[in-house]
Amino acid sequence: MAATGAGERAVAAGLGALSARPLGSAEPLSLGSLHGKVLLVVNVASDLQQRYGSRGLQVLAFPCNQFGHQENATNEEILLSLEHVRPGKGYKPNFIMFEKCEVNGKNAHPLFTFLKEALPFPHDDPSSLMTNPQYIIWSPVCRNDISWNFEKFLIGLDSVTWSNPLSAQSRISLEQGPHGLAQSNLLHVQR
């Protein structure tokens, strides 16, 4: 799917100016250094890096504790927890995992503020708001807020071609849908 208008220009111009600090790194990573890759921005772990990394996908995981306090670990504990507890058995992520951040409210990471402003609302979630307001722990609350874990932003090779934010979409539909990861227009064709 090709973006059009202001959102297209904002995505093309803005991603390169943003950065985030990977877990365990002393220095932030410029997102501009990932130009030429399809980016899947998520706040939870993903096995899609293994499946599509060789074709140009880069998963960027941003742990967040704003949804039911489901990520209570500190930055230092997150990687240790993955390695020793869940999934355990020495697991090390093969995608870039960044420091825990907020994705909504006045303290939202600039990447998420940018993505929510530049891209349309989730197309698979007509309300994009939580149904129970007791779970909203940030302020201000906005119509384009990320509503729960698993919301994804898929940004194409040129930093312009993108899929709408996806909240409830399963991995299978993310891969196989009309604008999915399995489509050659989003990823490099393996030869």
C-alpha atoms as a PDB file:
ATOM      1  CA  MET A   1       0.000   0.000   0.000  1.00  0.00           C
ATOM      2  CA  ALA A   2       1.456   3.379  -0.887  1.00  0.00           C
ATOM      3  CA  ALA A   3       0.980   6.237   1.497  1.00  0.00           C
ATOM      4  CA  THR A   4      -0.164   9.545   0.093  1.00  0.00           C
ATOM      5  CA  GLY A   5      -0.101  13.179   1.097  1.00  0.00           C
ATOM      6  CA  ALA A   6       1.258  14.600   4.332  1.00  0.00           C
ATOM      7  CA  GLY A   7       1.690  11.217   6.010  1.00  0.00           C
ATOM      8  CA  GLU A   8       3.901  10.014   3.148  1.00  0.00           C
ATOM      9  CA  ARG A   9       6.130  13.093   3.304  1.00  0.00           C
ATOM     10  CA  ALA A  10       6.351  12.987   7.103  1.00  0.00           C
ATOM     11  CA  VAL A  11       7.371   9.333   7.150  1.00  0.00           C
ATOM     12  CA  ALA A  12      10.019   9.888   4.476  1.00  0.00           C
ATOM     13  CA  ALA A  13      11.474  12.967   6.166  1.00  0.00           C
ATOM     14  CA  GLY A  14      11.047  12.126   9.812  1.00  0.00           C
ATOM     15  CA  LEU A  15      12.313   8.616  10.480  1.00  0.00           C
ATOM     16  CA  GLY A  16      15.911   9.480   9.726  1.00  0.00           C
ATOM     17  CA  ALA A  17      15.891  12.225  12.348  1.00  0.00           C
ATOM     18  CA  LEU A  18      14.778   9.904  15.155  1.00  0.00           C
ATOM     19  CA  SER A  19      16.872   7.671  17.383  1.00  0.00           C
ATOM     20  CA  ALA A  20      16.399   5.232  20.256  1.00  0.00           C
ATOM     21  CA  ARG A  21      18.758   3.425  22.623  1.00  0.00           C
ATOM     22  CA  PRO A  22      18.973  -0.374  22.204  1.00  0.00           C
ATOM     23  CA  LEU A  23      19.037  -2.380  25.432  1.00  0.00           C
ATOM     24  CA  GLY A  24      22.592  -2.868  26.628  1.00  0.00           C
ATOM     25  CA  SER A  25      23.977  -0.099  24.419  1.00  0.00           C
ATOM     26  CA  ALA A  26      25.570   3.108  25.627  1.00  0.00           C
ATOM     27  CA  GLU A  27      24.698   4.969  22.436  1.00  0.00           C
ATOM     28  CA  PRO A  28      21.375   5.632  20.707  1.00  0.00           C
ATOM     29  CA  LEU A  29      20.778   4.115  17.269  1.00  0.00           C
ATOM     30  CA  SER A  30      19.809   6.523  14.492  1.00  0.00           C
ATOM     31  CA  LEU A  31      16.751   5.126  12.735  1.00  0.00           C
ATOM     32  CA  GLY A  32      18.154   6.700   9.573  1.00  0.00           C
ATOM     33  CA  SER A  33      20.824   3.980   9.652  1.00  0.00           C
ATOM     34  CA  LEU A  34      18.058   1.469   8.878  1.00  0.00           C
ATOM     35  CA  HIS A  35      17.077   3.120   5.567  1.00  0.00           C
ATOM     36  CA  GLY A  36      16.562   0.482   2.885  1.00  0.00           C
ATOM     37  CA  LYS A  37      15.000  -2.039   5.260  1.00  0.00           C
ATOM     38  CA  VAL A  38      11.373  -2.775   5.945  1.00  0.00           C
ATOM     39  CA  LEU A  39      10.742  -1.813   9.561  1.00  0.00           C
ATOM     40  CA  LEU A  40       8.235  -3.546  11.799  1.00  0.00           C
ATOM     41  CA  VAL A  41       7.868  -1.424  14.941  1.00  0.00           C
ATOM     42  CA  VAL A  42       6.297  -3.399  17.806  1.00  0.00           C
ATOM     43  CA  ASN A  43       6.343  -3.321  21.584  1.00  0.00           C
ATOM     44  CA  VAL A  44       6.641  -7.069  22.051  1.00  0.00           C
ATOM     45  CA  ALA A  45       8.956  -9.836  20.872  1.00  0.00           C
ATOM     46  CA  SER A  46       8.556 -11.144  17.338  1.00  0.00           C
ATOM     47  CA  ASP A  47       9.780 -14.220  15.481  1.00  0.00           C
ATOM     48  CA  LEU A  48       9.322 -12.463  12.144  1.00  0.00           C
ATOM     49  CA  GLN A  49      12.953 -11.283  12.150  1.00  0.00           C
ATOM     50  CA  GLN A  50      14.128 -14.866  11.719  1.00  0.00           C
ATOM     51  CA  ARG A  51      11.632 -15.538   8.934  1.00  0.00           C
ATOM     52  CA  TYR A  52      12.155 -12.333   6.931  1.00  0.00           C
ATOM     53  CA  GLY A  53      15.437 -10.767   8.087  1.00  0.00           C
ATOM     54  CA  SER A  54      17.367 -12.105   5.106  1.00  0.00           C
ATOM     55  CA  ARG A  55      14.826 -10.409   2.823  1.00  0.00           C
ATOM     56  CA  GLY A  56      15.256  -6.959   4.356  1.00  0.00           C
ATOM     57  CA  LEU A  57      12.995  -6.904   7.431  1.00  0.00           C
ATOM     58  CA  GLN A  58      14.238  -5.294  10.627  1.00  0.00           C
ATOM     59  CA  VAL A  59      12.064  -5.761  13.711  1.00  0.00           C
ATOM     60  CA  LEU A  60      12.349  -2.925  16.226  1.00  0.00           C
ATOM     61  CA  ALA A  61      10.930  -3.943  19.626  1.00  0.00           C
ATOM     62  CA  PHE A  62      10.089  -1.305  22.227  1.00  0.00           C
ATOM     63  CA  PRO A  63       8.981  -2.799  25.570  1.00  0.00           C
ATOM     64  CA  CYS A  64       6.265  -0.756  27.280  1.00  0.00           C
ATOM     65  CA  ASN A  65       4.558  -0.952  30.667  1.00  0.00           C
ATOM     66  CA  GLN A  66       1.502   1.168  29.801  1.00  0.00           C
ATOM     67  CA  PHE A  67      -0.809  -1.757  29.046  1.00  0.00           C
ATOM     68  CA  GLY A  68      -1.907  -3.530  32.203  1.00  0.00           C
ATOM     69  CA  HIS A  69       1.586  -3.128  33.688  1.00  0.00           C
ATOM     70  CA  GLN A  70       2.623  -6.215  31.708  1.00  0.00           C
ATOM     71  CA  GLU A  71       6.292  -5.182  31.440  1.00  0.00           C
ATOM     72  CA  ASN A  72       7.376  -4.538  35.008  1.00  0.00           C
ATOM     73  CA  ALA A  73      11.025  -5.450  34.482  1.00  0.00           C
ATOM     74  CA  THR A  74      13.730  -2.802  34.397  1.00  0.00           C
ATOM     75  CA  ASN A  75      15.802  -2.374  31.249  1.00  0.00           C
ATOM     76  CA  GLU A  76      18.548  -4.423  32.888  1.00  0.00           C
ATOM     77  CA  GLU A  77      16.119  -7.223  33.745  1.00  0.00           C
ATOM     78  CA  ILE A  78      14.371  -7.492  30.363  1.00  0.00           C
ATOM     79  CA  LEU A  79      17.157  -9.289  28.470  1.00  0.00           C
ATOM     80  CA  LEU A  80      17.974 -11.480  31.491  1.00  0.00           C
ATOM     81  CA  SER A  81      14.304 -12.422  31.776  1.00  0.00           C
ATOM     82  CA  LEU A  82      14.165 -13.410  28.111  1.00  0.00           C
ATOM     83  CA  GLU A  83      17.367 -15.418  28.442  1.00  0.00           C
ATOM     84  CA  HIS A  84      16.546 -17.267  31.658  1.00  0.00           C
ATOM     85  CA  VAL A  85      12.773 -17.173  32.246  1.00  0.00           C
ATOM     86  CA  ARG A  86      10.524 -16.598  29.263  1.00  0.00           C
ATOM     87  CA  PRO A  87      11.194 -18.092  26.822  1.00  0.00           C
ATOM     88  CA  GLY A  88      14.429 -19.049  28.665  1.00  0.00           C
ATOM     89  CA  LYS A  89      16.956 -21.694  27.591  1.00  0.00           C
ATOM     90  CA  GLY A  90      19.545 -19.041  26.713  1.00  0.00           C
ATOM     91  CA  TYR A  91      17.239 -17.101  24.356  1.00  0.00           C
ATOM     92  CA  LYS A  92      18.764 -13.976  22.843  1.00  0.00           C
ATOM     93  CA  PRO A  93      16.617 -11.762  20.570  1.00  0.00           C
ATOM     94  CA  ASN A  94      17.695 -11.663  16.927  1.00  0.00           C
ATOM     95  CA  PHE A  95      15.990  -8.292  16.467  1.00  0.00           C
ATOM     96  CA  ILE A  96      16.805  -4.886  17.913  1.00  0.00           C
ATOM     97  CA  MET A  97      15.247  -4.485  21.343  1.00  0.00           C
ATOM     98  CA  PHE A  98      15.227  -0.959  22.685  1.00  0.00           C
ATOM     99  CA  GLU A  99      14.961   0.433  26.193  1.00  0.00           C
ATOM    100  CA  LYS A 100      11.520   0.362  27.752  1.00  0.00           C
ATOM    101  CA  CYS A 101       9.566   3.470  26.838  1.00  0.00           C
ATOM    102  CA  GLU A 102       6.138   5.017  26.922  1.00  0.00           C
ATOM    103  CA  VAL A 103       4.184   4.957  23.669  1.00  0.00           C
ATOM    104  CA  ASN A 104       1.280   7.210  24.715  1.00  0.00           C
ATOM    105  CA  GLY A 105       0.824  10.405  26.689  1.00  0.00           C
ATOM    106  CA  LYS A 106       3.070  13.380  27.337  1.00  0.00           C
ATOM    107  CA  ASN A 107       6.146  11.166  27.887  1.00  0.00           C
ATOM    108  CA  ALA A 108       5.703   9.075  24.720  1.00  0.00           C
ATOM    109  CA  HIS A 109       8.910   8.243  22.859  1.00  0.00           C
ATOM    110  CA  PRO A 110       9.294  10.595  19.864  1.00  0.00           C
ATOM    111  CA  LEU A 111       9.161   7.639  17.441  1.00  0.00           C
ATOM    112  CA  PHE A 112       5.668   6.677  18.588  1.00  0.00           C
ATOM    113  CA  THR A 113       4.472  10.276  18.646  1.00  0.00           C
ATOM    114  CA  PHE A 114       5.744  10.601  15.089  1.00  0.00           C
ATOM    115  CA  LEU A 115       4.231   7.331  13.846  1.00  0.00           C
ATOM    116  CA  LYS A 116       0.835   8.014  15.409  1.00  0.00           C
ATOM    117  CA  GLU A 117       0.707  11.477  13.836  1.00  0.00           C
ATOM    118  CA  ALA A 118       2.070  10.479  10.420  1.00  0.00           C
ATOM    119  CA  LEU A 119       0.091   7.299   9.821  1.00  0.00           C
ATOM    120  CA  PRO A 120      -3.644   6.595   9.856  1.00  0.00           C
ATOM    121  CA  PHE A 121      -5.551   4.852  12.620  1.00  0.00           C
ATOM    122  CA  PRO A 122      -5.505   1.031  12.764  1.00  0.00           C
ATOM    123  CA  HIS A 123      -7.649  -0.368   9.986  1.00  0.00           C
ATOM    124  CA  ASP A 124      -8.466  -3.550  11.902  1.00  0.00           C
ATOM    125  CA  ASP A 125      -9.742  -1.751  15.015  1.00  0.00           C
ATOM    126  CA  PRO A 126     -12.610   0.669  14.351  1.00  0.00           C
ATOM    127  CA  SER A 127     -12.484   2.275  17.795  1.00  0.00           C
ATOM    128  CA  SER A 128      -8.732   2.282  18.545  1.00  0.00           C
ATOM    129  CA  LEU A 129      -9.584   2.951  22.156  1.00  0.00           C
ATOM    130  CA  MET A 130      -9.629   0.602  25.089  1.00  0.00           C
ATOM    131  CA  THR A 131     -13.111  -0.335  26.161  1.00  0.00           C
ATOM    132  CA  ASN A 132     -12.314  -0.124  29.869  1.00  0.00           C
ATOM    133  CA  PRO A 133     -10.990   3.321  30.863  1.00  0.00           C
ATOM    134  CA  GLN A 134      -9.486   1.987  34.106  1.00  0.00           C
ATOM    135  CA  TYR A 135      -6.607   0.657  31.993  1.00  0.00           C
ATOM    136  CA  ILE A 136      -5.632   4.074  30.658  1.00  0.00           C
ATOM    137  CA  ILE A 137      -2.721   5.229  32.810  1.00  0.00           C
ATOM    138  CA  TRP A 138      -1.384   8.084  30.672  1.00  0.00           C
ATOM    139  CA  SER A 139      -2.364  11.625  29.906  1.00  0.00           C
ATOM    140  CA  PRO A 140      -3.364  13.216  27.664  1.00  0.00           C
ATOM    141  CA  VAL A 141      -5.485  10.545  25.977  1.00  0.00           C
ATOM    142  CA  CYS A 142      -5.674  10.979  22.193  1.00  0.00           C
ATOM    143  CA  ARG A 143      -7.746   9.336  19.456  1.00  0.00           C
ATOM    144  CA  ASN A 144      -4.615   7.973  17.785  1.00  0.00           C
ATOM    145  CA  ASP A 145      -3.172   6.392  20.952  1.00  0.00           C
ATOM    146  CA  ILE A 146      -1.878   2.858  20.789  1.00  0.00           C
ATOM    147  CA  SER A 147      -4.636   0.859  22.445  1.00  0.00           C
ATOM    148  CA  TRP A 148      -2.858  -2.271  23.665  1.00  0.00           C
ATOM    149  CA  ASN A 149       0.159  -4.523  23.223  1.00  0.00           C
ATOM    150  CA  PHE A 150       0.762  -6.028  19.786  1.00  0.00           C
ATOM    151  CA  GLU A 151      -0.004  -2.902  17.752  1.00  0.00           C
ATOM    152  CA  LYS A 152       2.455  -2.829  14.866  1.00  0.00           C
ATOM    153  CA  PHE A 153       3.685  -0.263  12.360  1.00  0.00           C
ATOM    154  CA  LEU A 154       5.011  -1.697   9.083  1.00  0.00           C
ATOM    155  CA  ILE A 155       7.146   0.739   7.078  1.00  0.00           C
ATOM    156  CA  GLY A 156       8.394  -0.162   3.591  1.00  0.00           C
ATOM    157  CA  LEU A 157      11.869  -0.205   2.034  1.00  0.00           C
ATOM    158  CA  ASP A 158      11.695   3.409   0.952  1.00  0.00           C
ATOM    159  CA  SER A 159      10.443   4.596   4.364  1.00  0.00           C
ATOM    160  CA  VAL A 160       7.301   5.692   2.540  1.00  0.00           C
ATOM    161  CA  THR A 161       5.399   2.537   1.589  1.00  0.00           C
ATOM    162  CA  TRP A 162       3.642   1.392   4.719  1.00  0.00           C
ATOM    163  CA  SER A 163       0.812  -0.578   6.118  1.00  0.00           C
ATOM    164  CA  ASN A 164      -1.734   0.984   8.419  1.00  0.00           C
ATOM    165  CA  PRO A 165      -1.006   0.400  12.091  1.00  0.00           C
ATOM    166  CA  LEU A 166      -2.146  -3.081  12.958  1.00  0.00           C
ATOM    167  CA  SER A 167      -3.475  -3.971  16.364  1.00  0.00           C
ATOM    168  CA  ALA A 168      -5.389  -7.224  16.381  1.00  0.00           C
ATOM    169  CA  GLN A 169      -3.848  -8.634  13.227  1.00  0.00           C
ATOM    170  CA  SER A 170      -2.324 -12.050  13.659  1.00  0.00           C
ATOM    171  CA  ARG A 171       1.145 -12.917  12.439  1.00  0.00           C
ATOM    172  CA  ILE A 172      -0.343 -15.046   9.661  1.00  0.00           C
ATOM    173  CA  SER A 173      -2.437 -12.195   8.259  1.00  0.00           C
ATOM    174  CA  LEU A 174       0.500  -9.797   8.691  1.00  0.00           C
ATOM    175  CA  GLU A 175       2.577 -12.130   6.540  1.00  0.00           C
ATOM    176  CA  GLN A 176      -0.019 -13.196   3.961  1.00  0.00           C
ATOM    177  CA  GLY A 177      -2.373 -10.213   3.591  1.00  0.00           C
ATOM    178  CA  PRO A 178      -2.499  -8.107   0.412  1.00  0.00           C
ATOM    179  CA  HIS A 179       0.215  -5.811   1.797  1.00  0.00           C
ATOM    180  CA  GLY A 180       1.915  -8.435   3.932  1.00  0.00           C
ATOM    181  CA  LEU A 181       5.515  -9.342   4.534  1.00  0.00           C
ATOM    182  CA  ALA A 182       5.394 -12.202   2.038  1.00  0.00           C
ATOM    183  CA  GLN A 183       4.711  -9.731  -0.783  1.00  0.00           C
ATOM    184  CA  SER A 184       7.748  -8.812  -2.877  1.00  0.00           C
ATOM    185  CA  ASN A 185       6.770  -5.120  -2.980  1.00  0.00           C
ATOM    186  CA  LEU A 186       7.673  -4.782   0.703  1.00  0.00           C
ATOM    187  CA  LEU A 187      10.738  -6.987   0.996  1.00  0.00           C
ATOM    188  CA  HIS A 188      13.736  -7.737  -1.167  1.00  0.00           C
ATOM    189  CA  VAL A 189      13.087 -10.729  -3.383  1.00  0.00           C
ATOM    190  CA  GLN A 190      15.372 -13.593  -2.419  1.00  0.00           C
ATOM    191  CA  ARG A 191      17.395 -14.876  -5.357  1.00  0.00           C
END
